[in-house]
């Protein structure tokens, strides 16, 4: 860049001289750069300082006009001249009220510096601090703010704070405030002659909206060397205004008010077997849905992949308390959805529950909307509509019950617990409860790995060996859980073939677990033959249900034999 253009800040609309460019906004920062030797004709130096403050919206324009330097936006902690203690989060500039969005804090004893983001900003978005400098939104999983401490050779450390524009304007809307960002850039350059500086001396010339420039020239008498020195100071203020209203629909906090979305903006769902699409009426009773033909008894159909988000994304969850029916929940009490899976593998969800969701979440469900196929989930209908819940315990309850039954049998035998109290993670328990929802058998293999860990790997070997010894059997220290169970059954009176038949489903579960660790297509038929069927079920969900039934029956049979 030519020296004249450089002095005139022709690059002022680029970062870092415009800190509001792009998705992320720099609200605090200091930057310094220097080229060549201080006394040489080609020497250049530039510095940039950015501070910001929250300002009530009715004072924002006044603040932009009256506050002419970022030095006026410095929040300091400690005792002031009037013997009042300041916490560094608020002060007056004349009649203008200023509040800190970020603070640079210097400890009075250790002299250590830290950068603190406004507690209100963190709380409003329920931000998660995943490392010392980055704050993420708990629902959107996006980086919302970044705070860093920059070190310098001749200055104290300075704060660098960057925030996401969208989340900032949302926060400002909730507070009824705007953000004033004030920037000063200072550029120096040497030249052998005054003409080479290409610089006219000016004082606070306005060169754009809320943008001023001042320039001057220092002669060799002032610089004390042979060069002339030019200086150019850029002052800029930027205003970040709030949205017209807060983004209630994406807030992690529960919102009790009515949606302010226009009906024309609402997503449309397939509501009948002819493929007709409608948006979902809100704040009404189920009779209106039935009268207007929106779903069968108010339930709609969705491709099963709709549940993947609820199984995988932090904050979202889905848990089936019956084998095929349960509740999908959004983060932060933002809504729940009554959902089940029918015999055709489609998800049925209660339309009024979806209607109560925010626009983005409705759009997500609408993207998986499906033509009806098969019945509404039987467990759901019998429980919700007929008040006659079937006997269909969920997978997690079945496994816990079977483990408890077998554990009690060992307690009666040797007064010791067979199982440790280790359980899968909450996410793994939810996955087990829902079961396979896709068309790939790899999902069954992965679920089998989790189930094997919960059932087999939590079996303690010593109680198995002690039980075998108490029944008069011989302990082979090379044998592990499943083989020890087989030996215990033989010691209890079963012949070898019977004992292997009883424990065969656990062997099959192990085969599936091993298959999950291998690349390619493992052979599934031998594993399912061990579970009592001649061929692999055609649908992964049916295969998973068969696996659960076989394993539960196996554990119950062993407990009964003891």
Protein backbone atom coordinates (compact mmCIF):
# COMPACT_ATOMS: atom_id res chain seq x y z
CA UNK A 1 0.00 0.00 0.00
CA UNK A 2 1.26 3.47 -0.86
CA UNK A 3 2.26 5.65 2.09
CA UNK A 4 -0.44 8.23 1.31
CA UNK A 5 -3.18 5.57 1.23
CA UNK A 6 -1.76 4.01 4.36
CA UNK A 7 -1.96 7.33 6.23
CA UNK A 8 -5.53 7.84 4.96
CA UNK A 9 -6.59 4.39 6.21
CA UNK A 10 -7.90 3.32 2.82
CA UNK A 11 -8.10 -0.17 4.34
CA UNK A 12 -10.37 0.97 7.18
CA UNK A 13 -13.30 -1.21 6.09
CA UNK A 14 -11.19 -4.32 6.50
CA UNK A 15 -10.40 -6.15 9.73
CA UNK A 16 -9.12 -5.16 12.25
CA UNK A 17 -9.98 -1.49 11.52
CA UNK A 18 -13.64 -2.46 11.17
CA UNK A 19 -14.14 -4.95 14.03
CA UNK A 20 -17.77 -5.60 13.03
CA UNK A 21 -16.98 -7.26 9.69
CA UNK A 22 -18.25 -10.84 9.42
CA UNK A 23 -20.03 -13.18 11.78
CA UNK A 24 -17.82 -12.46 14.79
CA UNK A 25 -17.37 -9.01 16.32
CA UNK A 26 -14.26 -7.91 18.20
CA UNK A 27 -15.43 -5.92 21.23
CA UNK A 28 -12.09 -5.67 23.07
CA UNK A 29 -8.56 -5.73 21.72
CA UNK A 30 -5.15 -4.13 21.38
CA UNK A 31 -2.75 -4.64 18.50
CA UNK A 32 0.71 -3.21 17.77
CA UNK A 33 3.03 -3.75 14.85
CA UNK A 34 6.37 -2.19 13.91
CA UNK A 35 8.60 -2.36 10.83
CA UNK A 36 12.29 -1.54 10.52
CA UNK A 37 14.47 0.55 12.84
CA UNK A 38 13.06 3.52 14.76
CA UNK A 39 15.52 6.01 13.18
CA UNK A 40 15.53 4.65 9.63
CA UNK A 41 13.60 6.33 6.78
CA UNK A 42 11.47 3.23 6.13
CA UNK A 43 10.31 2.83 9.75
CA UNK A 44 6.60 2.32 10.36
CA UNK A 45 4.52 1.57 13.43
CA UNK A 46 0.83 1.19 14.07
CA UNK A 47 -1.31 0.55 17.11
CA UNK A 48 -4.99 -0.22 17.44
CA UNK A 49 -7.17 -0.13 20.56
CA UNK A 50 -10.77 -1.33 20.84
CA UNK A 51 -13.08 -1.00 23.85
CA UNK A 52 -16.84 -1.37 24.10
CA UNK A 53 -19.73 -0.78 26.47
CA UNK A 54 -23.39 -1.65 26.77
CA UNK A 55 -25.59 1.44 26.55
CA UNK A 56 -29.37 1.81 27.06
CA UNK A 57 -30.92 1.92 23.60
CA UNK A 58 -32.29 5.45 24.07
CA UNK A 59 -28.77 6.74 24.83
CA UNK A 60 -26.88 4.82 22.14
CA UNK A 61 -26.70 7.56 19.49
CA UNK A 62 -25.81 10.19 22.08
CA UNK A 63 -23.00 7.98 23.37
CA UNK A 64 -21.64 7.48 19.84
CA UNK A 65 -21.46 11.24 19.33
CA UNK A 66 -20.02 12.22 22.71
CA UNK A 67 -17.59 9.39 23.47
CA UNK A 68 -14.66 10.08 21.18
CA UNK A 69 -12.06 7.55 22.32
CA UNK A 70 -11.97 3.97 23.64
CA UNK A 71 -10.06 5.26 26.66
CA UNK A 72 -13.42 6.54 27.98
CA UNK A 73 -14.72 2.94 27.98
CA UNK A 74 -12.31 1.53 30.54
CA UNK A 75 -14.01 -0.23 33.44
CA UNK A 76 -11.88 -0.27 36.57
CA UNK A 77 -12.28 -2.10 39.86
CA UNK A 78 -11.39 -0.77 43.28
CA UNK A 79 -11.88 2.27 45.51
CA UNK A 80 -12.42 5.62 43.84
CA UNK A 81 -11.68 9.15 45.03
CA UNK A 82 -15.09 9.32 46.71
CA UNK A 83 -14.37 6.25 48.85
CA UNK A 84 -16.84 4.14 46.89
CA UNK A 85 -15.93 0.67 45.68
CA UNK A 86 -16.47 -0.08 42.02
CA UNK A 87 -16.90 -3.63 40.77
CA UNK A 88 -15.85 -2.52 37.30
CA UNK A 89 -19.11 -3.41 35.59
CA UNK A 90 -20.80 0.01 35.45
CA UNK A 91 -20.08 3.75 35.38
CA UNK A 92 -21.50 7.06 34.14
CA UNK A 93 -20.10 9.23 31.37
CA UNK A 94 -21.99 12.40 32.10
CA UNK A 95 -25.62 11.34 31.87
CA UNK A 96 -24.79 8.27 29.78
CA UNK A 97 -24.99 4.90 31.51
CA UNK A 98 -22.31 2.41 30.51
CA UNK A 99 -22.13 -1.30 31.37
CA UNK A 100 -19.35 -3.80 30.76
CA UNK A 101 -19.80 -6.75 28.41
CA UNK A 102 -16.24 -7.89 29.14
CA UNK A 103 -13.66 -6.87 31.73
CA UNK A 104 -9.90 -7.01 32.07
CA UNK A 105 -9.24 -7.72 35.75
CA UNK A 106 -5.91 -7.20 37.50
CA UNK A 107 -5.61 -9.00 40.83
CA UNK A 108 -4.55 -6.52 43.55
CA UNK A 109 -2.09 -8.93 45.20
CA UNK A 110 -0.76 -11.32 42.57
CA UNK A 111 -0.98 -8.68 39.79
CA UNK A 112 -2.22 -11.43 37.48
CA UNK A 113 -4.57 -10.44 34.66
CA UNK A 114 -7.74 -12.27 33.65
CA UNK A 115 -10.47 -11.62 31.09
CA UNK A 116 -14.05 -12.00 32.30
CA UNK A 117 -17.14 -12.16 30.13
CA UNK A 118 -20.35 -10.61 31.47
CA UNK A 119 -22.17 -13.00 33.78
CA UNK A 120 -25.47 -11.82 32.29
CA UNK A 121 -24.33 -12.73 28.76
CA UNK A 122 -23.21 -16.17 29.90
CA UNK A 123 -26.42 -16.77 31.83
CA UNK A 124 -28.76 -15.52 29.10
CA UNK A 125 -27.39 -18.01 26.57
CA UNK A 126 -26.50 -20.64 29.23
CA UNK A 127 -23.05 -20.77 27.66
CA UNK A 128 -20.71 -23.68 28.35
CA UNK A 129 -17.04 -22.86 28.87
CA UNK A 130 -15.35 -25.81 27.20
CA UNK A 131 -11.82 -24.49 27.68
CA UNK A 132 -10.30 -21.41 29.35
CA UNK A 133 -11.10 -19.14 26.43
CA UNK A 134 -14.13 -20.44 24.50
CA UNK A 135 -17.85 -20.34 25.30
CA UNK A 136 -20.33 -22.48 23.36
CA UNK A 137 -24.09 -22.41 23.05
CA UNK A 138 -25.47 -25.56 24.75
CA UNK A 139 -28.16 -26.19 22.11
CA UNK A 140 -26.75 -24.86 18.85
CA UNK A 141 -23.24 -26.16 19.68
CA UNK A 142 -21.69 -23.02 18.15
CA UNK A 143 -18.85 -20.87 19.41
CA UNK A 144 -20.53 -17.76 20.85
CA UNK A 145 -17.66 -15.95 22.56
CA UNK A 146 -13.90 -16.14 22.87
CA UNK A 147 -11.82 -14.37 25.50
CA UNK A 148 -8.03 -14.23 25.42
CA UNK A 149 -5.20 -12.45 27.19
CA UNK A 150 -2.64 -11.01 24.77
CA UNK A 151 0.89 -10.35 26.01
CA UNK A 152 3.16 -7.53 24.80
CA UNK A 153 6.83 -6.67 25.16
CA UNK A 154 6.45 -3.21 26.70
CA UNK A 155 2.79 -3.12 27.79
CA UNK A 156 0.68 -4.94 30.33
CA UNK A 157 -1.40 -7.82 28.97
CA UNK A 158 -4.59 -6.77 27.18
CA UNK A 159 -7.95 -8.38 26.64
CA UNK A 160 -9.13 -9.73 23.31
CA UNK A 161 -12.83 -10.59 23.22
CA UNK A 162 -14.79 -11.78 20.18
CA UNK A 163 -18.55 -12.47 20.19
CA UNK A 164 -20.95 -13.92 17.64
CA UNK A 165 -23.07 -11.17 16.09
CA UNK A 166 -26.39 -13.05 16.23
CA UNK A 167 -26.12 -14.05 19.89
CA UNK A 168 -24.95 -10.55 20.79
CA UNK A 169 -27.95 -8.84 19.16
CA UNK A 170 -30.29 -11.36 20.77
CA UNK A 171 -28.77 -10.56 24.17
CA UNK A 172 -29.08 -6.81 23.51
CA UNK A 173 -32.76 -7.25 22.67
CA UNK A 174 -33.38 -8.97 25.99
CA UNK A 175 -31.59 -6.13 27.86
CA UNK A 176 -33.07 -3.25 25.88
CA UNK A 177 -29.55 -2.04 25.15
CA UNK A 178 -27.14 -1.48 22.30
CA UNK A 179 -23.39 -1.92 22.16
CA UNK A 180 -21.00 0.96 21.50
CA UNK A 181 -17.62 -0.11 20.11
CA UNK A 182 -14.95 2.58 20.06
CA UNK A 183 -11.71 2.21 18.09
CA UNK A 184 -8.56 4.27 17.82
CA UNK A 185 -5.79 3.43 15.34
CA UNK A 186 -2.45 5.27 15.40
CA UNK A 187 0.02 5.09 12.50
CA UNK A 188 3.55 6.52 12.35
CA UNK A 189 6.02 6.55 9.47
CA UNK A 190 9.42 8.13 8.74
CA UNK A 191 10.59 9.71 5.50
CA UNK A 192 13.77 11.48 4.39
CA UNK A 193 11.81 14.57 3.28
CA UNK A 194 8.45 16.09 4.19
CA UNK A 195 7.17 15.67 0.63
CA UNK A 196 7.81 11.92 0.74
CA UNK A 197 5.29 11.61 3.60
CA UNK A 198 2.50 12.71 1.20
CA UNK A 199 0.60 13.95 4.21
CA UNK A 200 -1.55 17.02 4.72
CA UNK A 201 -2.00 18.13 8.31
CA UNK A 202 -5.68 17.92 9.32
CA UNK A 203 -7.58 17.94 12.61
CA UNK A 204 -10.57 15.67 13.23
CA UNK A 205 -11.79 15.54 9.66
CA UNK A 206 -14.88 13.35 9.32
CA UNK A 207 -14.33 10.81 6.55
CA UNK A 208 -17.34 8.57 7.13
CA UNK A 209 -20.16 7.83 9.52
CA UNK A 210 -18.82 8.12 13.07
CA UNK A 211 -15.29 8.12 11.58
CA UNK A 212 -12.67 10.88 11.96
CA UNK A 213 -9.02 11.26 11.02
CA UNK A 214 -6.27 13.60 12.28
CA UNK A 215 -2.77 13.89 10.80
CA UNK A 216 0.39 15.86 11.59
CA UNK A 217 4.09 15.99 10.71
CA UNK A 218 7.05 16.15 13.09
CA UNK A 219 10.26 17.72 11.81
CA UNK A 220 13.79 16.42 12.51
CA UNK A 221 14.08 19.02 15.28
CA UNK A 222 11.24 17.24 17.06
CA UNK A 223 12.25 13.66 16.21
CA UNK A 224 15.93 14.28 17.06
CA UNK A 225 17.16 12.44 13.96
CA UNK A 226 17.40 13.13 10.24
CA UNK A 227 13.90 11.93 9.33
CA UNK A 228 10.51 13.60 9.12
CA UNK A 229 7.79 11.67 10.93
CA UNK A 230 4.17 11.55 9.93
CA UNK A 231 1.36 10.54 12.25
CA UNK A 232 -2.23 9.63 11.41
CA UNK A 233 -4.93 8.91 13.99
CA UNK A 234 -8.18 7.18 13.07
CA UNK A 235 -11.14 7.35 15.45
CA UNK A 236 -14.23 5.26 14.80
CA UNK A 237 -17.38 4.36 16.67
CA UNK A 238 -19.61 1.44 15.77
CA UNK A 239 -23.13 0.78 16.99
CA UNK A 240 -24.52 -2.73 17.37
CA UNK A 241 -28.25 -2.46 17.72
CA UNK A 242 -30.52 -5.10 19.26
CA UNK A 243 -33.00 -7.24 17.37
CA UNK A 244 -36.60 -6.06 17.45
CA UNK A 245 -37.31 -8.87 19.88
CA UNK A 246 -35.28 -11.59 21.62
CA UNK A 247 -34.94 -14.97 19.93
CA UNK A 248 -37.33 -16.75 22.28
CA UNK A 249 -37.59 -19.78 20.02
CA UNK A 250 -33.95 -20.78 20.36
CA UNK A 251 -33.33 -19.78 23.97
CA UNK A 252 -32.08 -22.55 26.28
CA UNK A 253 -34.51 -21.20 28.88
CA UNK A 254 -38.15 -22.22 28.86
CA UNK A 255 -40.39 -19.64 27.22
CA UNK A 256 -43.95 -19.34 28.54
CA UNK A 257 -45.27 -16.79 26.03
CA UNK A 258 -46.96 -17.33 22.71
CA UNK A 259 -45.05 -17.80 19.49
CA UNK A 260 -44.75 -14.62 17.47
CA UNK A 261 -44.23 -16.46 14.19
CA UNK A 262 -46.64 -15.70 11.34
CA UNK A 263 -48.76 -18.63 10.16
CA UNK A 264 -47.25 -18.28 6.69
CA UNK A 265 -43.79 -18.95 8.18
CA UNK A 266 -44.77 -22.20 9.90
CA UNK A 267 -43.47 -25.45 8.35
CA UNK A 268 -45.97 -27.79 6.72
CA UNK A 269 -46.41 -31.47 7.56
CA UNK A 270 -47.94 -34.41 5.71
CA UNK A 271 -51.24 -34.87 7.55
CA UNK A 272 -52.97 -37.75 5.71
CA UNK A 273 -52.38 -40.72 3.39
CA UNK A 274 -53.02 -38.53 0.31
CA UNK A 275 -49.92 -36.45 1.04
CA UNK A 276 -51.80 -33.25 1.89
CA UNK A 277 -49.62 -30.77 3.80
CA UNK A 278 -50.66 -28.31 6.50
CA UNK A 279 -49.08 -26.24 9.21
CA UNK A 280 -50.02 -27.27 12.73
CA UNK A 281 -52.51 -25.15 14.71
CA UNK A 282 -51.21 -23.98 18.07
CA UNK A 283 -52.83 -23.58 21.48
CA UNK A 284 -55.84 -25.71 20.63
CA UNK A 285 -57.25 -29.03 21.78
CA UNK A 286 -56.89 -32.42 20.15
CA UNK A 287 -60.49 -32.40 18.90
CA UNK A 288 -59.62 -29.67 16.41
CA UNK A 289 -56.84 -31.80 14.98
CA UNK A 290 -59.16 -34.79 14.59
CA UNK A 291 -62.00 -32.72 13.10
CA UNK A 292 -59.66 -31.17 10.54
CA UNK A 293 -58.07 -34.48 9.59
CA UNK A 294 -54.62 -33.59 10.86
CA UNK A 295 -53.09 -36.97 11.51
CA UNK A 296 -54.73 -40.08 12.84
CA UNK A 297 -56.00 -39.17 16.32
CA UNK A 298 -53.59 -36.25 16.22
CA UNK A 299 -50.49 -38.36 15.49
CA UNK A 300 -48.29 -37.84 12.44
CA UNK A 301 -45.75 -40.11 10.70
CA UNK A 302 -42.02 -39.43 10.37
CA UNK A 303 -39.01 -41.25 9.01
CA UNK A 304 -37.18 -42.85 11.95
CA UNK A 305 -33.99 -40.86 11.31
CA UNK A 306 -35.75 -37.92 12.98
CA UNK A 307 -34.69 -39.42 16.32
CA UNK A 308 -30.97 -39.37 15.50
CA UNK A 309 -30.64 -35.78 16.68
CA UNK A 310 -32.26 -36.70 19.98
CA UNK A 311 -29.92 -39.64 20.41
CA UNK A 312 -26.69 -37.87 19.47
CA UNK A 313 -26.80 -34.11 20.10
CA UNK A 314 -25.96 -32.97 23.66
CA UNK A 315 -28.98 -31.57 25.47
CA UNK A 316 -31.50 -33.46 23.33
CA UNK A 317 -32.77 -36.83 24.54
CA UNK A 318 -35.24 -39.57 23.78
CA UNK A 319 -36.08 -42.46 26.08
CA UNK A 320 -38.55 -45.28 25.50
CA UNK A 321 -40.15 -46.42 28.77
CA UNK A 322 -42.05 -49.07 26.79
CA UNK A 323 -40.46 -51.18 24.09
CA UNK A 324 -41.61 -48.95 21.24
CA UNK A 325 -42.88 -45.77 22.90
CA UNK A 326 -41.50 -42.92 24.95
CA UNK A 327 -40.70 -39.22 25.08
CA UNK A 328 -38.33 -37.04 23.07
CA UNK A 329 -37.12 -33.98 24.99
CA UNK A 330 -35.51 -30.72 23.91
CA UNK A 331 -32.75 -29.02 25.92
CA UNK A 332 -33.63 -26.77 28.81
CA UNK A 333 -37.29 -27.75 29.17
CA UNK A 334 -38.00 -26.33 25.72
CA UNK A 335 -40.58 -29.00 25.00
CA UNK A 336 -41.32 -32.73 24.92
CA UNK A 337 -42.83 -34.90 22.20
CA UNK A 338 -44.85 -38.05 22.70
CA UNK A 339 -43.27 -40.45 20.20
CA UNK A 340 -43.34 -44.14 19.31
CA UNK A 341 -42.30 -46.50 16.52
CA UNK A 342 -44.90 -48.61 14.69
CA UNK A 343 -44.52 -52.05 13.13
CA UNK A 344 -43.44 -50.49 9.82
CA UNK A 345 -40.53 -48.73 11.50
CA UNK A 346 -41.98 -45.22 11.22
CA UNK A 347 -42.04 -42.76 14.09
CA UNK A 348 -45.43 -41.55 15.28
CA UNK A 349 -45.38 -38.21 17.10
CA UNK A 350 -48.16 -36.19 18.72
CA UNK A 351 -48.86 -33.22 16.45
CA UNK A 352 -49.88 -30.75 19.23
CA UNK A 353 -46.52 -31.39 20.92
CA UNK A 354 -44.70 -30.46 17.71
CA UNK A 355 -46.93 -27.40 17.24
CA UNK A 356 -45.68 -26.09 20.59
CA UNK A 357 -42.04 -26.21 19.47
CA UNK A 358 -40.06 -23.27 18.12
CA UNK A 359 -39.91 -22.58 14.41
CA UNK A 360 -36.47 -24.17 13.91
CA UNK A 361 -37.43 -27.38 15.68
CA UNK A 362 -40.71 -27.64 13.80
CA UNK A 363 -38.78 -27.24 10.57
CA UNK A 364 -36.47 -30.07 11.65
CA UNK A 365 -39.41 -32.44 12.23
CA UNK A 366 -41.10 -31.32 9.01
CA UNK A 367 -38.00 -32.33 7.04
CA UNK A 368 -38.66 -35.96 8.09
CA UNK A 369 -42.45 -35.86 7.57
CA UNK A 370 -43.69 -39.08 5.94
CA UNK A 371 -46.78 -40.52 4.30
CA UNK A 372 -48.63 -42.82 6.72
CA UNK A 373 -47.69 -46.49 6.56
CA UNK A 374 -48.96 -49.01 9.07
CA UNK A 375 -50.76 -48.41 12.32
CA UNK A 376 -50.13 -45.82 15.01
CA UNK A 377 -47.74 -47.33 17.57
CA UNK A 378 -49.85 -49.85 19.49
CA UNK A 379 -48.38 -49.14 22.91
CA UNK A 380 -48.95 -45.43 22.41
CA UNK A 381 -52.58 -45.78 21.30
CA UNK A 382 -53.54 -48.26 24.01
CA UNK A 383 -52.02 -46.11 26.73
CA UNK A 384 -52.92 -42.61 25.56
CA UNK A 385 -56.23 -43.14 23.82
CA UNK A 386 -57.68 -46.27 25.42
CA UNK A 387 -56.25 -45.87 28.95
CA UNK A 388 -55.29 -49.56 28.78
CA UNK A 389 -51.48 -49.70 28.84
CA UNK A 390 -50.10 -53.03 27.62
CA UNK A 391 -47.50 -55.07 29.45
CA UNK A 392 -44.52 -53.96 27.39
CA UNK A 393 -41.63 -52.97 29.66
CA UNK A 394 -38.83 -50.99 28.07
CA UNK A 395 -35.43 -52.48 27.26
CA UNK A 396 -33.63 -50.76 30.15
CA UNK A 397 -36.19 -52.03 32.68
CA UNK A 398 -35.98 -55.54 31.22
CA UNK A 399 -32.20 -55.65 31.49
CA UNK A 400 -32.16 -54.18 34.98
CA UNK A 401 -34.78 -56.67 36.07
CA UNK A 402 -32.90 -59.65 34.59
CA UNK A 403 -29.61 -58.54 36.18
CA UNK A 404 -31.34 -58.07 39.52
CA UNK A 405 -32.92 -61.54 39.34
CA UNK A 406 -29.59 -63.19 38.54
CA UNK A 407 -27.78 -61.13 41.16
CA UNK A 408 -30.28 -62.27 43.83
CA UNK A 409 -29.66 -65.90 42.86
CA UNK A 410 -25.94 -65.48 43.49
CA UNK A 411 -26.56 -63.69 46.78
CA UNK A 412 -28.65 -66.66 47.91
CA UNK A 413 -25.92 -69.02 46.80
CA UNK A 414 -22.77 -67.36 48.21
CA UNK A 415 -24.01 -64.11 49.85
CA UNK A 416 -22.14 -61.99 47.30
CA UNK A 417 -23.12 -59.68 44.45
CA UNK A 418 -22.49 -61.00 40.98
CA UNK A 419 -22.67 -57.64 39.22
CA UNK A 420 -20.75 -54.45 39.90
CA UNK A 421 -22.90 -51.33 40.05
CA UNK A 422 -21.44 -49.85 36.85
CA UNK A 423 -24.05 -48.80 34.28
CA UNK A 424 -23.81 -47.47 30.73
CA UNK A 425 -23.83 -43.70 30.27
CA UNK A 426 -27.16 -41.87 30.08
CA UNK A 427 -26.76 -41.52 26.32
CA UNK A 428 -26.05 -45.25 25.97
CA UNK A 429 -29.09 -46.13 28.10
CA UNK A 430 -31.25 -43.96 25.85
CA UNK A 431 -29.86 -45.70 22.78
CA UNK A 432 -30.58 -49.10 24.29
CA UNK A 433 -34.14 -48.03 25.15
CA UNK A 434 -34.94 -46.85 21.63
CA UNK A 435 -33.14 -49.65 19.82
CA UNK A 436 -32.31 -49.79 16.12
CA UNK A 437 -34.07 -47.13 14.04
CA UNK A 438 -32.19 -47.25 10.72
CA UNK A 439 -31.74 -49.78 7.93
CA UNK A 440 -28.16 -50.77 8.75
CA UNK A 441 -27.30 -53.81 10.87
CA UNK A 442 -24.19 -52.00 12.06
CA UNK A 443 -26.55 -50.24 14.49
CA UNK A 444 -27.48 -53.64 15.99
CA UNK A 445 -23.82 -54.52 16.36
CA UNK A 446 -23.07 -51.26 18.16
CA UNK A 447 -26.04 -51.68 20.49
CA UNK A 448 -24.86 -55.24 21.20
CA UNK A 449 -21.48 -53.83 22.22
CA UNK A 450 -23.16 -51.57 24.79
CA UNK A 451 -25.39 -54.37 26.05
CA UNK A 452 -22.47 -56.80 26.35
CA UNK A 453 -20.55 -54.26 28.41
CA UNK A 454 -23.51 -53.81 30.76
CA UNK A 455 -24.27 -57.52 31.23
CA UNK A 456 -21.09 -59.51 30.76
CA UNK A 457 -18.28 -57.08 31.55
CA UNK A 458 -19.94 -56.06 34.84
CA UNK A 459 -20.07 -59.70 35.98
CA UNK A 460 -17.42 -60.14 38.65
CA UNK A 461 -15.31 -63.23 38.13
CA UNK A 462 -14.69 -64.05 41.82
CA UNK A 463 -18.39 -64.63 42.67
CA UNK A 464 -18.65 -66.91 39.63
CA UNK A 465 -15.62 -68.94 40.73
CA UNK A 466 -16.79 -69.10 44.34
CA UNK A 467 -20.23 -70.31 43.25
CA UNK A 468 -18.70 -73.00 41.05
CA UNK A 469 -16.52 -74.12 43.98
CA UNK A 470 -19.51 -74.18 46.36
CA UNK A 471 -21.34 -76.48 43.92
CA UNK A 472 -18.39 -78.88 43.82
CA UNK A 473 -17.06 -77.84 40.44
CA UNK A 474 -13.43 -77.36 39.47
CA UNK A 475 -12.29 -73.82 38.69
CA UNK A 476 -10.20 -73.22 35.59
CA UNK A 477 -8.62 -69.78 36.03
CA UNK A 478 -8.48 -69.31 32.25
CA UNK A 479 -12.28 -69.31 31.96
CA UNK A 480 -14.21 -66.04 31.84
CA UNK A 481 -17.81 -65.08 32.58
CA UNK A 482 -19.85 -66.98 29.99
CA UNK A 483 -17.88 -70.21 30.28
CA UNK A 484 -18.00 -70.01 34.07
CA UNK A 485 -21.79 -69.66 33.91
CA UNK A 486 -21.90 -72.76 31.71
CA UNK A 487 -19.74 -74.69 34.21
CA UNK A 488 -22.00 -73.55 37.07
CA UNK A 489 -25.08 -74.87 35.26
CA UNK A 490 -23.35 -78.23 34.71
CA UNK A 491 -22.42 -78.34 38.40
CA UNK A 492 -26.08 -77.58 39.15
CA UNK A 493 -27.18 -80.70 37.29
CA UNK A 494 -27.60 -79.80 33.64
CA UNK A 495 -25.74 -81.82 31.04
CA UNK A 496 -23.16 -80.11 28.84
CA UNK A 497 -25.53 -79.67 25.88
CA UNK A 498 -28.30 -78.17 28.03
CA UNK A 499 -25.88 -75.77 29.70
CA UNK A 500 -24.54 -74.59 26.36
CA UNK A 501 -28.06 -74.12 25.03
CA UNK A 502 -29.00 -71.93 28.02
CA UNK A 503 -25.92 -69.69 27.70
CA UNK A 504 -25.92 -69.67 23.88
CA UNK A 505 -27.63 -66.20 23.61
CA UNK A 506 -24.77 -64.68 25.62
CA UNK A 507 -22.29 -66.27 23.23
CA UNK A 508 -24.32 -64.85 20.34
CA UNK A 509 -24.27 -61.41 22.00
CA UNK A 510 -20.49 -61.70 22.21
CA UNK A 511 -20.33 -62.57 18.51
CA UNK A 512 -22.31 -59.44 17.67
CA UNK A 513 -20.10 -57.37 19.96
CA UNK A 514 -16.98 -58.66 18.19
CA UNK A 515 -18.61 -57.85 14.85
CA UNK A 516 -19.00 -54.19 15.85
CA UNK A 517 -15.22 -53.88 16.07
CA UNK A 518 -14.54 -55.19 12.56
CA UNK A 519 -14.65 -53.34 9.26
CA UNK A 520 -16.88 -54.83 6.60
CA UNK A 521 -19.92 -57.04 6.87
CA UNK A 522 -19.55 -59.60 9.66
CA UNK A 523 -21.47 -62.85 9.38
CA UNK A 524 -24.62 -62.41 11.47
CA UNK A 525 -26.40 -65.72 10.95
CA UNK A 526 -24.31 -67.80 13.45
CA UNK A 527 -24.89 -65.19 16.16
CA UNK A 528 -28.67 -65.20 15.69
CA UNK A 529 -28.77 -68.99 15.46
CA UNK A 530 -27.26 -69.01 18.95
CA UNK A 531 -30.22 -66.83 19.97
CA UNK A 532 -32.70 -69.41 18.75
CA UNK A 533 -33.63 -68.41 15.19
CA UNK A 534 -32.68 -70.06 11.94
CA UNK A 535 -32.11 -66.85 9.96
CA UNK A 536 -31.26 -63.23 10.62
CA UNK A 537 -34.42 -61.07 10.87
CA UNK A 538 -34.81 -58.90 7.79
CA UNK A 539 -35.21 -55.62 9.68
CA UNK A 540 -32.54 -54.34 12.13
CA UNK A 541 -35.17 -53.28 14.66
CA UNK A 542 -36.69 -56.77 14.72
CA UNK A 543 -33.19 -58.22 15.07
CA UNK A 544 -32.47 -55.99 18.05
CA UNK A 545 -35.75 -56.88 19.75
CA UNK A 546 -35.00 -60.57 19.24
CA UNK A 547 -31.55 -60.08 20.74
CA UNK A 548 -33.02 -58.38 23.84
CA UNK A 549 -35.65 -61.10 24.32
CA UNK A 550 -33.08 -63.88 23.99
CA UNK A 551 -30.63 -62.31 26.44
CA UNK A 552 -33.31 -61.53 29.05
CA UNK A 553 -34.69 -65.08 28.79
CA UNK A 554 -31.14 -66.45 29.13
CA UNK A 555 -30.41 -64.51 32.34
CA UNK A 556 -33.78 -65.50 33.80
CA UNK A 557 -33.17 -69.17 32.97
CA UNK A 558 -29.77 -69.14 34.68
CA UNK A 559 -31.28 -67.49 37.76
CA UNK A 560 -34.05 -70.09 37.88
CA UNK A 561 -31.54 -72.94 37.57
CA UNK A 562 -29.66 -71.63 40.59
